[in-house]
Amino acid sequence: MTSGNGKDRAAIRPGCTVEIIRKEDQKTEKKSRGIVAEILTNSSTHQHGIKVRLRDGQVGRVAAIISDPE
């Protein structure tokens, strides 16, 4: 899978490479790329993107799914 939209929790798993928008970057929509360590959103969908924690500790909402788990 490539280039998913990040609003569906079922499409995101730990190990996926994603682009996120951190809370402090919402106004500029600056994206950060990393590998999902943990999914923080409990609901199955979220209109602004599923919230995740990346392996490097950054937290944000998924803007795009780049690749499946390693």
Protein backbone atom coordinates (compact mmCIF):
# COMPACT_ATOMS: atom_id res chain seq x y z
CA MET A 1 0.00 0.00 0.00
CA THR A 2 1.24 3.49 -0.72
CA SER A 3 -0.13 6.96 -0.24
CA GLY A 4 -3.10 6.15 2.02
CA ASN A 5 -4.91 9.06 3.61
CA GLY A 6 -4.41 8.24 7.30
CA LYS A 7 -8.04 8.72 8.40
CA ASP A 8 -8.77 4.98 8.77
CA ARG A 9 -7.18 3.28 11.81
CA ALA A 10 -7.29 -0.16 10.14
CA ALA A 11 -4.83 1.04 7.46
CA ILE A 12 -2.17 2.06 10.01
CA ARG A 13 -0.01 -0.39 11.95
CA PRO A 14 3.18 -0.08 13.98
CA GLY A 15 6.09 -0.21 11.57
CA CYS A 16 4.31 1.74 8.80
CA THR A 17 6.18 4.69 7.34
CA VAL A 18 3.91 7.73 7.47
CA GLU A 19 3.86 11.50 7.17
CA ILE A 20 2.35 13.29 10.16
CA ILE A 21 1.36 16.84 10.97
CA ARG A 22 2.33 17.74 14.53
CA LYS A 23 0.00 20.00 16.54
CA GLU A 24 2.49 22.88 16.43
CA ASP A 25 2.72 22.53 12.63
CA GLN A 26 -1.03 22.53 11.92
CA LYS A 27 -1.13 26.13 10.69
CA THR A 28 1.72 25.63 8.22
CA GLU A 29 0.81 21.97 7.48
CA LYS A 30 4.53 21.10 7.66
CA LYS A 31 4.85 17.32 7.51
CA SER A 32 7.28 15.07 9.36
CA ARG A 33 8.09 11.55 8.17
CA GLY A 34 8.77 8.56 10.38
CA ILE A 35 7.88 5.04 11.43
CA VAL A 36 4.82 4.40 13.62
CA ALA A 37 5.65 3.11 17.10
CA GLU A 38 2.17 3.41 18.64
CA ILE A 39 -1.37 4.30 17.56
CA LEU A 40 -2.92 6.78 20.00
CA THR A 41 -6.43 7.22 18.53
CA ASN A 42 -8.91 4.61 19.78
CA SER A 43 -11.74 5.23 17.31
CA SER A 44 -11.77 3.46 13.93
CA THR A 45 -11.70 6.73 11.95
CA HIS A 46 -10.90 10.39 12.60
CA GLN A 47 -11.69 13.27 10.26
CA HIS A 48 -8.31 14.97 10.84
CA GLY A 49 -6.23 11.78 10.75
CA ILE A 50 -5.33 9.05 13.22
CA LYS A 51 -2.99 10.25 15.99
CA VAL A 52 0.24 8.27 16.29
CA ARG A 53 3.59 8.34 18.08
CA LEU A 54 6.61 7.81 15.85
CA ARG A 55 9.71 5.84 16.88
CA ASP A 56 11.60 9.11 17.37
CA GLY A 57 8.95 10.31 19.86
CA GLN A 58 7.09 12.81 17.66
CA VAL A 59 3.29 12.80 18.01
CA GLY A 60 0.89 13.93 15.30
CA ARG A 61 -1.98 13.03 13.02
CA VAL A 62 -1.31 10.89 9.95
CA ALA A 63 -1.49 12.93 6.74
CA ALA A 64 -0.32 10.11 4.44
CA ILE A 65 0.72 6.48 4.62
CA ILE A 66 3.96 6.02 2.70
CA SER A 67 4.55 2.27 3.07
CA ASP A 68 3.46 -0.89 4.90
CA PRO A 69 5.27 -2.18 7.99
CA GLU A 70 8.89 -3.22 7.55
